[in-house]
Amino acid sequence: MSKAFDMELFLAGVLTGSHTTRQRHLRQAKAIQTAIADRWQRDNPWTWQQKHLTWFLNHHVNQHAESTRYYYLLTVHLLAHRLGKPWQFNRQAKVNNRPKAVACA
């Protein structure tokens, strides 16, 4: 029997900020983990590729409010930092039927 991956332990070294901010990152990281596990059967972040996180940003949270998408983008950056990957995320989101680029360096 395999034990579920502990996202809180995984992010413990890189989580900073207030208690509320840390809890939001954990909650969103678990939502990301669940979505990727459902789509690609990869529940362990160590097995993720950049395409998995890009898919999540482009398809899973595409219909959410801009502020929600921004907070998920911050969590994705935190995950990439924890994985030690130099990944860049540019996400296209449609707002008022116009493409809007959300880029992070």
PDB file of N, CA and C in Angstrom:
ATOM      1  N   MET A   1       0.845  -1.176   0.000  1.00  0.00           N
ATOM      2  CA  MET A   1       0.000   0.000   0.000  1.00  0.00           C
ATOM      3  C   MET A   1       0.888   1.236   0.000  1.00  0.00           C
ATOM      4  N   SER A   2       0.713   2.102  -0.971  1.00  0.00           N
ATOM      5  CA  SER A   2       1.547   3.295  -1.049  1.00  0.00           C
ATOM      6  C   SER A   2       0.898   4.433  -0.263  1.00  0.00           C
ATOM      7  N   LYS A   3       1.756   5.217   0.350  1.00  0.00           N
ATOM      8  CA  LYS A   3       1.286   6.342   1.143  1.00  0.00           C
ATOM      9  C   LYS A   3       1.128   7.554   0.227  1.00  0.00           C
ATOM     10  N   ALA A   4       0.113   8.359   0.468  1.00  0.00           N
ATOM     11  CA  ALA A   4      -0.129   9.553  -0.332  1.00  0.00           C
ATOM     12  C   ALA A   4       1.033  10.532  -0.164  1.00  0.00           C
ATOM     13  N   PHE A   5       1.362  11.228  -1.245  1.00  0.00           N
ATOM     14  CA  PHE A   5       2.455  12.191  -1.220  1.00  0.00           C
ATOM     15  C   PHE A   5       2.076  13.365  -0.317  1.00  0.00           C
ATOM     16  N   ASP A   6       2.991  13.753   0.577  1.00  0.00           N
ATOM     17  CA  ASP A   6       2.731  14.823   1.542  1.00  0.00           C
ATOM     18  C   ASP A   6       3.188  16.163   0.964  1.00  0.00           C
ATOM     19  N   MET A   7       2.247  16.913   0.405  1.00  0.00           N
ATOM     20  CA  MET A   7       2.561  18.200  -0.214  1.00  0.00           C
ATOM     21  C   MET A   7       3.048  19.216   0.811  1.00  0.00           C
ATOM     22  N   GLU A   8       2.525  19.135   2.024  1.00  0.00           N
ATOM     23  CA  GLU A   8       2.943  20.074   3.064  1.00  0.00           C
ATOM     24  C   GLU A   8       4.418  19.883   3.400  1.00  0.00           C
ATOM     25  N   LEU A   9       4.846  18.666   3.517  1.00  0.00           N
ATOM     26  CA  LEU A   9       6.253  18.374   3.785  1.00  0.00           C
ATOM     27  C   LEU A   9       7.126  18.780   2.594  1.00  0.00           C
ATOM     28  N   PHE A  10       6.634  18.536   1.386  1.00  0.00           N
ATOM     29  CA  PHE A  10       7.365  18.877   0.165  1.00  0.00           C
ATOM     30  C   PHE A  10       7.645  20.378   0.091  1.00  0.00           C
ATOM     31  N   LEU A  11       6.663  21.207   0.445  1.00  0.00           N
ATOM     32  CA  LEU A  11       6.808  22.658   0.331  1.00  0.00           C
ATOM     33  C   LEU A  11       7.330  23.338   1.591  1.00  0.00           C
ATOM     34  N   ALA A  12       7.513  22.588   2.650  1.00  0.00           N
ATOM     35  CA  ALA A  12       7.880  23.189   3.938  1.00  0.00           C
ATOM     36  C   ALA A  12       9.124  24.073   3.854  1.00  0.00           C
ATOM     37  N   GLY A  13      10.104  23.690   3.082  1.00  0.00           N
ATOM     38  CA  GLY A  13      11.355  24.451   3.002  1.00  0.00           C
ATOM     39  C   GLY A  13      11.262  25.746   2.225  1.00  0.00           C
ATOM     40  N   VAL A  14      10.257  25.893   1.375  1.00  0.00           N
ATOM     41  CA  VAL A  14      10.169  27.096   0.543  1.00  0.00           C
ATOM     42  C   VAL A  14       8.981  27.987   0.884  1.00  0.00           C
ATOM     43  N   LEU A  15       8.108  27.533   1.773  1.00  0.00           N
ATOM     44  CA  LEU A  15       6.953  28.351   2.144  1.00  0.00           C
ATOM     45  C   LEU A  15       7.370  29.473   3.080  1.00  0.00           C
ATOM     46  N   THR A  16       7.027  30.686   2.695  1.00  0.00           N
ATOM     47  CA  THR A  16       7.293  31.844   3.542  1.00  0.00           C
ATOM     48  C   THR A  16       6.028  32.692   3.585  1.00  0.00           C
ATOM     49  N   GLY A  17       6.041  33.714   4.386  1.00  0.00           N
ATOM     50  CA  GLY A  17       4.907  34.619   4.464  1.00  0.00           C
ATOM     51  C   GLY A  17       4.022  34.315   5.657  1.00  0.00           C
ATOM     52  N   SER A  18       2.874  34.934   5.642  1.00  0.00           N
ATOM     53  CA  SER A  18       1.934  34.778   6.744  1.00  0.00           C
ATOM     54  C   SER A  18       1.325  33.383   6.741  1.00  0.00           C
ATOM     55  N   HIS A  19       0.688  33.044   7.827  1.00  0.00           N
ATOM     56  CA  HIS A  19       0.035  31.739   7.953  1.00  0.00           C
ATOM     57  C   HIS A  19      -1.012  31.562   6.848  1.00  0.00           C
ATOM     58  N   THR A  20      -1.772  32.611   6.586  1.00  0.00           N
ATOM     59  CA  THR A  20      -2.813  32.550   5.562  1.00  0.00           C
ATOM     60  C   THR A  20      -2.210  32.298   4.183  1.00  0.00           C
ATOM     61  N   THR A  21      -1.111  32.968   3.869  1.00  0.00           N
ATOM     62  CA  THR A  21      -0.446  32.777   2.577  1.00  0.00           C
ATOM     63  C   THR A  21       0.081  31.358   2.447  1.00  0.00           C
ATOM     64  N   ARG A  22       0.702  30.851   3.493  1.00  0.00           N
ATOM     65  CA  ARG A  22       1.211  29.475   3.451  1.00  0.00           C
ATOM     66  C   ARG A  22       0.073  28.478   3.269  1.00  0.00           C
ATOM     67  N   GLN A  23      -1.034  28.691   3.957  1.00  0.00           N
ATOM     68  CA  GLN A  23      -2.186  27.799   3.823  1.00  0.00           C
ATOM     69  C   GLN A  23      -2.773  27.859   2.411  1.00  0.00           C
ATOM     70  N   ARG A  24      -2.822  29.064   1.813  1.00  0.00           N
ATOM     71  CA  ARG A  24      -3.337  29.196   0.449  1.00  0.00           C
ATOM     72  C   ARG A  24      -2.451  28.429  -0.522  1.00  0.00           C
ATOM     73  N   HIS A  25      -1.117  28.573  -0.394  1.00  0.00           N
ATOM     74  CA  HIS A  25      -0.200  27.840  -1.268  1.00  0.00           C
ATOM     75  C   HIS A  25      -0.384  26.332  -1.110  1.00  0.00           C
ATOM     76  N   LEU A  26      -0.527  25.863   0.098  1.00  0.00           N
ATOM     77  CA  LEU A  26      -0.729  24.431   0.323  1.00  0.00           C
ATOM     78  C   LEU A  26      -2.041  23.947  -0.288  1.00  0.00           C
ATOM     79  N   ARG A  27      -3.106  24.693  -0.081  1.00  0.00           N
ATOM     80  CA  ARG A  27      -4.411  24.323  -0.622  1.00  0.00           C
ATOM     81  C   ARG A  27      -4.357  24.288  -2.153  1.00  0.00           C
ATOM     82  N   GLN A  28      -3.717  25.301  -2.753  1.00  0.00           N
ATOM     83  CA  GLN A  28      -3.635  25.342  -4.206  1.00  0.00           C
ATOM     84  C   GLN A  28      -2.698  24.268  -4.746  1.00  0.00           C
ATOM     85  N   ALA A  29      -1.604  23.992  -4.056  1.00  0.00           N
ATOM     86  CA  ALA A  29      -0.677  22.941  -4.489  1.00  0.00           C
ATOM     87  C   ALA A  29      -1.371  21.580  -4.463  1.00  0.00           C
ATOM     88  N   LYS A  30      -2.205  21.351  -3.467  1.00  0.00           N
ATOM     89  CA  LYS A  30      -2.954  20.090  -3.414  1.00  0.00           C
ATOM     90  C   LYS A  30      -3.973  20.007  -4.543  1.00  0.00           C
ATOM     91  N   ALA A  31      -4.585  21.145  -4.904  1.00  0.00           N
ATOM     92  CA  ALA A  31      -5.530  21.161  -6.026  1.00  0.00           C
ATOM     93  C   ALA A  31      -4.791  20.884  -7.341  1.00  0.00           C
ATOM     94  N   ILE A  32      -3.613  21.455  -7.495  1.00  0.00           N
ATOM     95  CA  ILE A  32      -2.784  21.204  -8.675  1.00  0.00           C
ATOM     96  C   ILE A  32      -2.402  19.731  -8.728  1.00  0.00           C
ATOM     97  N   GLN A  33      -1.985  19.195  -7.592  1.00  0.00           N
ATOM     98  CA  GLN A  33      -1.598  17.789  -7.509  1.00  0.00           C
ATOM     99  C   GLN A  33      -2.764  16.873  -7.901  1.00  0.00           C
ATOM    100  N   THR A  34      -3.941  17.165  -7.422  1.00  0.00           N
ATOM    101  CA  THR A  34      -5.118  16.355  -7.732  1.00  0.00           C
ATOM    102  C   THR A  34      -5.452  16.415  -9.219  1.00  0.00           C
ATOM    103  N   ALA A  35      -5.413  17.614  -9.797  1.00  0.00           N
ATOM    104  CA  ALA A  35      -5.741  17.762 -11.217  1.00  0.00           C
ATOM    105  C   ALA A  35      -4.737  17.023 -12.095  1.00  0.00           C
ATOM    106  N   ILE A  36      -3.452  17.137 -11.780  1.00  0.00           N
ATOM    107  CA  ILE A  36      -2.429  16.456 -12.576  1.00  0.00           C
ATOM    108  C   ILE A  36      -2.531  14.947 -12.381  1.00  0.00           C
ATOM    109  N   ALA A  37      -2.821  14.505 -11.185  1.00  0.00           N
ATOM    110  CA  ALA A  37      -2.969  13.068 -10.932  1.00  0.00           C
ATOM    111  C   ALA A  37      -4.175  12.507 -11.694  1.00  0.00           C
ATOM    112  N   ASP A  38      -5.262  13.257 -11.746  1.00  0.00           N
ATOM    113  CA  ASP A  38      -6.447  12.803 -12.481  1.00  0.00           C
ATOM    114  C   ASP A  38      -6.177  12.741 -13.981  1.00  0.00           C
ATOM    115  N   ARG A  39      -5.432  13.710 -14.494  1.00  0.00           N
ATOM    116  CA  ARG A  39      -5.204  13.797 -15.944  1.00  0.00           C
ATOM    117  C   ARG A  39      -4.091  12.857 -16.412  1.00  0.00           C
ATOM    118  N   TRP A  40      -2.972  12.810 -15.662  1.00  0.00           N
ATOM    119  CA  TRP A  40      -1.804  12.056 -16.102  1.00  0.00           C
ATOM    120  C   TRP A  40      -1.374  10.943 -15.151  1.00  0.00           C
ATOM    121  N   GLN A  41      -2.103  10.730 -14.079  1.00  0.00           N
ATOM    122  CA  GLN A  41      -1.777   9.705 -13.092  1.00  0.00           C
ATOM    123  C   GLN A  41      -0.369   9.914 -12.503  1.00  0.00           C
ATOM    124  N   ARG A  42      -0.009  11.162 -12.281  1.00  0.00           N
ATOM    125  CA  ARG A  42       1.273  11.504 -11.655  1.00  0.00           C
ATOM    126  C   ARG A  42       0.983  12.319 -10.398  1.00  0.00           C
ATOM    127  N   ASP A  43       0.967  11.659  -9.246  1.00  0.00           N
ATOM    128  CA  ASP A  43       0.631  12.357  -8.011  1.00  0.00           C
ATOM    129  C   ASP A  43       1.861  12.874  -7.274  1.00  0.00           C
ATOM    130  N   ASN A  44       3.032  12.545  -7.753  1.00  0.00           N
ATOM    131  CA  ASN A  44       4.273  12.947  -7.110  1.00  0.00           C
ATOM    132  C   ASN A  44       4.904  14.089  -7.902  1.00  0.00           C
ATOM    133  N   PRO A  45       5.087  15.271  -7.304  1.00  0.00           N
ATOM    134  CA  PRO A  45       5.658  16.406  -8.036  1.00  0.00           C
ATOM    135  C   PRO A  45       7.026  16.119  -8.646  1.00  0.00           C
ATOM    136  N   TRP A  46       7.759  15.192  -8.091  1.00  0.00           N
ATOM    137  CA  TRP A  46       9.080  14.874  -8.646  1.00  0.00           C
ATOM    138  C   TRP A  46       8.970  14.262 -10.034  1.00  0.00           C
ATOM    139  N   THR A  47       7.809  13.761 -10.397  1.00  0.00           N
ATOM    140  CA  THR A  47       7.621  13.159 -11.722  1.00  0.00           C
ATOM    141  C   THR A  47       6.987  14.135 -12.713  1.00  0.00           C
ATOM    142  N   TRP A  48       6.646  15.337 -12.271  1.00  0.00           N
ATOM    143  CA  TRP A  48       6.001  16.309 -13.138  1.00  0.00           C
ATOM    144  C   TRP A  48       6.985  16.912 -14.130  1.00  0.00           C
ATOM    145  N   GLN A  49       6.448  17.295 -15.271  1.00  0.00           N
ATOM    146  CA  GLN A  49       7.195  18.037 -16.270  1.00  0.00           C
ATOM    147  C   GLN A  49       6.558  19.414 -16.396  1.00  0.00           C
ATOM    148  N   GLN A  50       7.256  20.304 -17.072  1.00  0.00           N
ATOM    149  CA  GLN A  50       6.742  21.658 -17.241  1.00  0.00           C
ATOM    150  C   GLN A  50       5.384  21.645 -17.937  1.00  0.00           C
ATOM    151  N   LYS A  51       5.185  20.721 -18.867  1.00  0.00           N
ATOM    152  CA  LYS A  51       3.915  20.671 -19.595  1.00  0.00           C
ATOM    153  C   LYS A  51       2.731  20.410 -18.678  1.00  0.00           C
ATOM    154  N   HIS A  52       2.945  19.690 -17.584  1.00  0.00           N
ATOM    155  CA  HIS A  52       1.847  19.413 -16.661  1.00  0.00           C
ATOM    156  C   HIS A  52       1.371  20.689 -15.972  1.00  0.00           C
ATOM    157  N   LEU A  53       2.319  21.499 -15.520  1.00  0.00           N
ATOM    158  CA  LEU A  53       1.953  22.739 -14.844  1.00  0.00           C
ATOM    159  C   LEU A  53       1.400  23.759 -15.832  1.00  0.00           C
ATOM    160  N   THR A  54       1.943  23.770 -17.046  1.00  0.00           N
ATOM    161  CA  THR A  54       1.426  24.665 -18.078  1.00  0.00           C
ATOM    162  C   THR A  54      -0.004  24.283 -18.427  1.00  0.00           C
ATOM    163  N   TRP A  55      -0.267  22.976 -18.543  1.00  0.00           N
ATOM    164  CA  TRP A  55      -1.629  22.513 -18.805  1.00  0.00           C
ATOM    165  C   TRP A  55      -2.568  22.990 -17.705  1.00  0.00           C
ATOM    166  N   PHE A  56      -2.130  22.843 -16.463  1.00  0.00           N
ATOM    167  CA  PHE A  56      -2.987  23.251 -15.356  1.00  0.00           C
ATOM    168  C   PHE A  56      -3.348  24.730 -15.471  1.00  0.00           C
ATOM    169  N   LEU A  57      -2.352  25.566 -15.739  1.00  0.00           N
ATOM    170  CA  LEU A  57      -2.612  27.004 -15.836  1.00  0.00           C
ATOM    171  C   LEU A  57      -3.492  27.354 -17.030  1.00  0.00           C
ATOM    172  N   ASN A  58      -3.267  26.702 -18.152  1.00  0.00           N
ATOM    173  CA  ASN A  58      -3.997  27.049 -19.370  1.00  0.00           C
ATOM    174  C   ASN A  58      -5.400  26.469 -19.444  1.00  0.00           C
ATOM    175  N   HIS A  59      -5.627  25.326 -18.819  1.00  0.00           N
ATOM    176  CA  HIS A  59      -6.908  24.659 -18.985  1.00  0.00           C
ATOM    177  C   HIS A  59      -7.720  24.523 -17.695  1.00  0.00           C
ATOM    178  N   HIS A  60      -7.056  24.294 -16.611  1.00  0.00           N
ATOM    179  CA  HIS A  60      -7.800  24.013 -15.381  1.00  0.00           C
ATOM    180  C   HIS A  60      -8.317  25.280 -14.695  1.00  0.00           C
ATOM    181  N   VAL A  61      -7.526  26.335 -14.679  1.00  0.00           N
ATOM    182  CA  VAL A  61      -7.961  27.567 -14.002  1.00  0.00           C
ATOM    183  C   VAL A  61      -8.274  28.689 -14.986  1.00  0.00           C
ATOM    184  N   ASN A  62      -8.415  28.335 -16.256  1.00  0.00           N
ATOM    185  CA  ASN A  62      -8.639  29.333 -17.301  1.00  0.00           C
ATOM    186  C   ASN A  62      -9.925  30.127 -17.104  1.00  0.00           C
ATOM    187  N   GLN A  63     -10.955  29.530 -16.545  1.00  0.00           N
ATOM    188  CA  GLN A  63     -12.243  30.205 -16.393  1.00  0.00           C
ATOM    189  C   GLN A  63     -12.390  30.936 -15.058  1.00  0.00           C
ATOM    190  N   HIS A  64     -11.379  30.888 -14.227  1.00  0.00           N
ATOM    191  CA  HIS A  64     -11.444  31.564 -12.930  1.00  0.00           C
ATOM    192  C   HIS A  64     -11.135  33.055 -13.087  1.00  0.00           C
ATOM    193  N   ALA A  65     -11.358  33.793 -12.031  1.00  0.00           N
ATOM    194  CA  ALA A  65     -11.063  35.224 -12.028  1.00  0.00           C
ATOM    195  C   ALA A  65      -9.569  35.453 -12.206  1.00  0.00           C
ATOM    196  N   GLU A  66      -9.229  36.613 -12.727  1.00  0.00           N
ATOM    197  CA  GLU A  66      -7.824  36.943 -12.976  1.00  0.00           C
ATOM    198  C   GLU A  66      -6.987  36.860 -11.695  1.00  0.00           C
ATOM    199  N   SER A  67      -7.546  37.297 -10.587  1.00  0.00           N
ATOM    200  CA  SER A  67      -6.799  37.250  -9.328  1.00  0.00           C
ATOM    201  C   SER A  67      -6.528  35.808  -8.906  1.00  0.00           C
ATOM    202  N   THR A  68      -7.489  34.929  -9.123  1.00  0.00           N
ATOM    203  CA  THR A  68      -7.306  33.515  -8.789  1.00  0.00           C
ATOM    204  C   THR A  68      -6.222  32.907  -9.653  1.00  0.00           C
ATOM    205  N   ARG A  69      -6.252  33.212 -10.955  1.00  0.00           N
ATOM    206  CA  ARG A  69      -5.217  32.704 -11.856  1.00  0.00           C
ATOM    207  C   ARG A  69      -3.843  33.194 -11.422  1.00  0.00           C
ATOM    208  N   TYR A  70      -3.752  34.444 -10.996  1.00  0.00           N
ATOM    209  CA  TYR A  70      -2.481  34.995 -10.532  1.00  0.00           C
ATOM    210  C   TYR A  70      -1.970  34.240  -9.303  1.00  0.00           C
ATOM    211  N   TYR A  71      -2.840  33.971  -8.343  1.00  0.00           N
ATOM    212  CA  TYR A  71      -2.414  33.251  -7.138  1.00  0.00           C
ATOM    213  C   TYR A  71      -1.987  31.825  -7.452  1.00  0.00           C
ATOM    214  N   TYR A  72      -2.666  31.174  -8.395  1.00  0.00           N
ATOM    215  CA  TYR A  72      -2.228  29.840  -8.814  1.00  0.00           C
ATOM    216  C   TYR A  72      -0.881  29.915  -9.516  1.00  0.00           C
ATOM    217  N   LEU A  73      -0.656  30.972 -10.290  1.00  0.00           N
ATOM    218  CA  LEU A  73       0.636  31.157 -10.953  1.00  0.00           C
ATOM    219  C   LEU A  73       1.751  31.294  -9.920  1.00  0.00           C
ATOM    220  N   LEU A  74       1.490  32.007  -8.839  1.00  0.00           N
ATOM    221  CA  LEU A  74       2.478  32.131  -7.764  1.00  0.00           C
ATOM    222  C   LEU A  74       2.786  30.763  -7.143  1.00  0.00           C
ATOM    223  N   THR A  75       1.761  29.956  -6.951  1.00  0.00           N
ATOM    224  CA  THR A  75       1.958  28.618  -6.387  1.00  0.00           C
ATOM    225  C   THR A  75       2.747  27.742  -7.351  1.00  0.00           C
ATOM    226  N   VAL A  76       2.466  27.848  -8.645  1.00  0.00           N
ATOM    227  CA  VAL A  76       3.219  27.083  -9.643  1.00  0.00           C
ATOM    228  C   VAL A  76       4.687  27.489  -9.619  1.00  0.00           C
ATOM    229  N   HIS A  77       4.960  28.772  -9.477  1.00  0.00           N
ATOM    230  CA  HIS A  77       6.352  29.225  -9.385  1.00  0.00           C
ATOM    231  C   HIS A  77       7.023  28.659  -8.137  1.00  0.00           C
ATOM    232  N   LEU A  78       6.288  28.596  -7.059  1.00  0.00           N
ATOM    233  CA  LEU A  78       6.818  28.023  -5.819  1.00  0.00           C
ATOM    234  C   LEU A  78       7.142  26.540  -6.008  1.00  0.00           C
ATOM    235  N   LEU A  79       6.260  25.812  -6.675  1.00  0.00           N
ATOM    236  CA  LEU A  79       6.503  24.394  -6.951  1.00  0.00           C
ATOM    237  C   LEU A  79       7.742  24.209  -7.824  1.00  0.00           C
ATOM    238  N   ALA A  80       7.868  25.023  -8.866  1.00  0.00           N
ATOM    239  CA  ALA A  80       9.033  24.930  -9.753  1.00  0.00           C
ATOM    240  C   ALA A  80      10.310  25.251  -8.988  1.00  0.00           C
ATOM    241  N   HIS A  81      10.244  26.241  -8.106  1.00  0.00           N
ATOM    242  CA  HIS A  81      11.403  26.585  -7.281  1.00  0.00           C
ATOM    243  C   HIS A  81      11.799  25.414  -6.383  1.00  0.00           C
ATOM    244  N   ARG A  82      10.813  24.790  -5.767  1.00  0.00           N
ATOM    245  CA  ARG A  82      11.079  23.646  -4.886  1.00  0.00           C
ATOM    246  C   ARG A  82      11.658  22.472  -5.659  1.00  0.00           C
ATOM    247  N   LEU A  83      11.222  22.294  -6.898  1.00  0.00           N
ATOM    248  CA  LEU A  83      11.747  21.218  -7.736  1.00  0.00           C
ATOM    249  C   LEU A  83      13.137  21.546  -8.281  1.00  0.00           C
ATOM    250  N   GLY A  84      13.554  22.798  -8.122  1.00  0.00           N
ATOM    251  CA  GLY A  84      14.866  23.211  -8.617  1.00  0.00           C
ATOM    252  C   GLY A  84      14.904  23.347 -10.130  1.00  0.00           C
ATOM    253  N   LYS A  85      13.777  23.646 -10.728  1.00  0.00           N
ATOM    254  CA  LYS A  85      13.675  23.763 -12.187  1.00  0.00           C
ATOM    255  C   LYS A  85      13.644  25.230 -12.598  1.00  0.00           C
ATOM    256  N   PRO A  86      14.337  25.584 -13.670  1.00  0.00           N
ATOM    257  CA  PRO A  86      14.338  26.979 -14.153  1.00  0.00           C
ATOM    258  C   PRO A  86      13.178  27.270 -15.099  1.00  0.00           C
ATOM    259  N   TRP A  87      12.026  26.685 -14.851  1.00  0.00           N
ATOM    260  CA  TRP A  87      10.895  26.801 -15.761  1.00  0.00           C
ATOM    261  C   TRP A  87      10.318  28.211 -15.766  1.00  0.00           C
ATOM    262  N   GLN A  88       9.938  28.648 -16.961  1.00  0.00           N
ATOM    263  CA  GLN A  88       9.248  29.920 -17.156  1.00  0.00           C
ATOM    264  C   GLN A  88       7.811  29.603 -17.547  1.00  0.00           C
ATOM    265  N   PHE A  89       6.877  30.353 -17.045  1.00  0.00           N
ATOM    266  CA  PHE A  89       5.475  30.103 -17.364  1.00  0.00           C
ATOM    267  C   PHE A  89       4.861  31.345 -17.979  1.00  0.00           C
ATOM    268  N   ASN A  90       4.434  31.207 -19.230  1.00  0.00           N
ATOM    269  CA  ASN A  90       3.685  32.239 -19.933  1.00  0.00           C
ATOM    270  C   ASN A  90       2.329  31.644 -20.215  1.00  0.00           C
ATOM    271  N   ARG A  91       1.321  32.273 -19.720  1.00  0.00           N
ATOM    272  CA  ARG A  91      -0.015  31.714 -19.831  1.00  0.00           C
ATOM    273  C   ARG A  91      -0.905  32.682 -20.579  1.00  0.00           C
ATOM    274  N   GLN A  92      -1.634  32.171 -21.539  1.00  0.00           N
ATOM    275  CA  GLN A  92      -2.609  32.967 -22.283  1.00  0.00           C
ATOM    276  C   GLN A  92      -3.973  32.755 -21.644  1.00  0.00           C
ATOM    277  N   ALA A  93      -4.625  33.839 -21.319  1.00  0.00           N
ATOM    278  CA  ALA A  93      -5.966  33.752 -20.754  1.00  0.00           C
ATOM    279  C   ALA A  93      -6.875  34.682 -21.536  1.00  0.00           C
ATOM    280  N   LYS A  94      -8.084  34.246 -21.795  1.00  0.00           N
ATOM    281  CA  LYS A  94      -9.026  35.100 -22.499  1.00  0.00           C
ATOM    282  C   LYS A  94      -9.830  35.907 -21.495  1.00  0.00           C
ATOM    283  N   VAL A  95      -9.757  37.211 -21.650  1.00  0.00           N
ATOM    284  CA  VAL A  95     -10.532  38.113 -20.821  1.00  0.00           C
ATOM    285  C   VAL A  95     -11.284  39.030 -21.771  1.00  0.00           C
ATOM    286  N   ASN A  96     -12.587  39.053 -21.690  1.00  0.00           N
ATOM    287  CA  ASN A  96     -13.436  39.851 -22.580  1.00  0.00           C
ATOM    288  C   ASN A  96     -13.157  39.540 -24.049  1.00  0.00           C
ATOM    289  N   ASN A  97     -12.975  38.265 -24.362  1.00  0.00           N
ATOM    290  CA  ASN A  97     -12.730  37.780 -25.720  1.00  0.00           C
ATOM    291  C   ASN A  97     -11.448  38.320 -26.344  1.00  0.00           C
ATOM    292  N   ARG A  98     -10.546  38.850 -25.549  1.00  0.00           N
ATOM    293  CA  ARG A  98      -9.244  39.291 -26.051  1.00  0.00           C
ATOM    294  C   ARG A  98      -8.171  38.472 -25.359  1.00  0.00           C
ATOM    295  N   PRO A  99      -7.184  37.965 -26.115  1.00  0.00           N
ATOM    296  CA  PRO A  99      -6.092  37.246 -25.462  1.00  0.00           C
ATOM    297  C   PRO A  99      -5.297  38.201 -24.596  1.00  0.00           C
ATOM    298  N   LYS A 100      -5.001  37.775 -23.418  1.00  0.00           N
ATOM    299  CA  LYS A 100      -4.208  38.581 -22.507  1.00  0.00           C
ATOM    300  C   LYS A 100      -3.042  37.731 -22.032  1.00  0.00           C
ATOM    301  N   ALA A 101      -1.844  38.190 -22.246  1.00  0.00           N
ATOM    302  CA  ALA A 101      -0.661  37.430 -21.861  1.00  0.00           C
ATOM    303  C   ALA A 101      -0.346  37.694 -20.401  1.00  0.00           C
ATOM    304  N   VAL A 102      -0.123  36.643 -19.670  1.00  0.00           N
ATOM    305  CA  VAL A 102       0.323  36.739 -18.289  1.00  0.00           C
ATOM    306  C   VAL A 102       1.698  36.113 -18.269  1.00  0.00           C
ATOM    307  N   ALA A 103       2.708  36.921 -18.128  1.00  0.00           N
ATOM    308  CA  ALA A 103       4.082  36.415 -18.207  1.00  0.00           C
ATOM    309  C   ALA A 103       4.778  36.630 -16.868  1.00  0.00           C
ATOM    310  N   CYS A 104       5.582  35.683 -16.516  1.00  0.00           N
ATOM    311  CA  CYS A 104       6.380  35.786 -15.302  1.00  0.00           C
ATOM    312  C   CYS A 104       7.811  35.422 -15.643  1.00  0.00           C
ATOM    313  N   ALA A 105       8.710  36.149 -15.096  1.00  0.00           N
ATOM    314  CA  ALA A 105      10.127  35.863 -15.361  1.00  0.00           C
ATOM    315  C   ALA A 105      10.689  34.925 -14.329  1.00  0.00           C
TER     316      ALA A 105
END
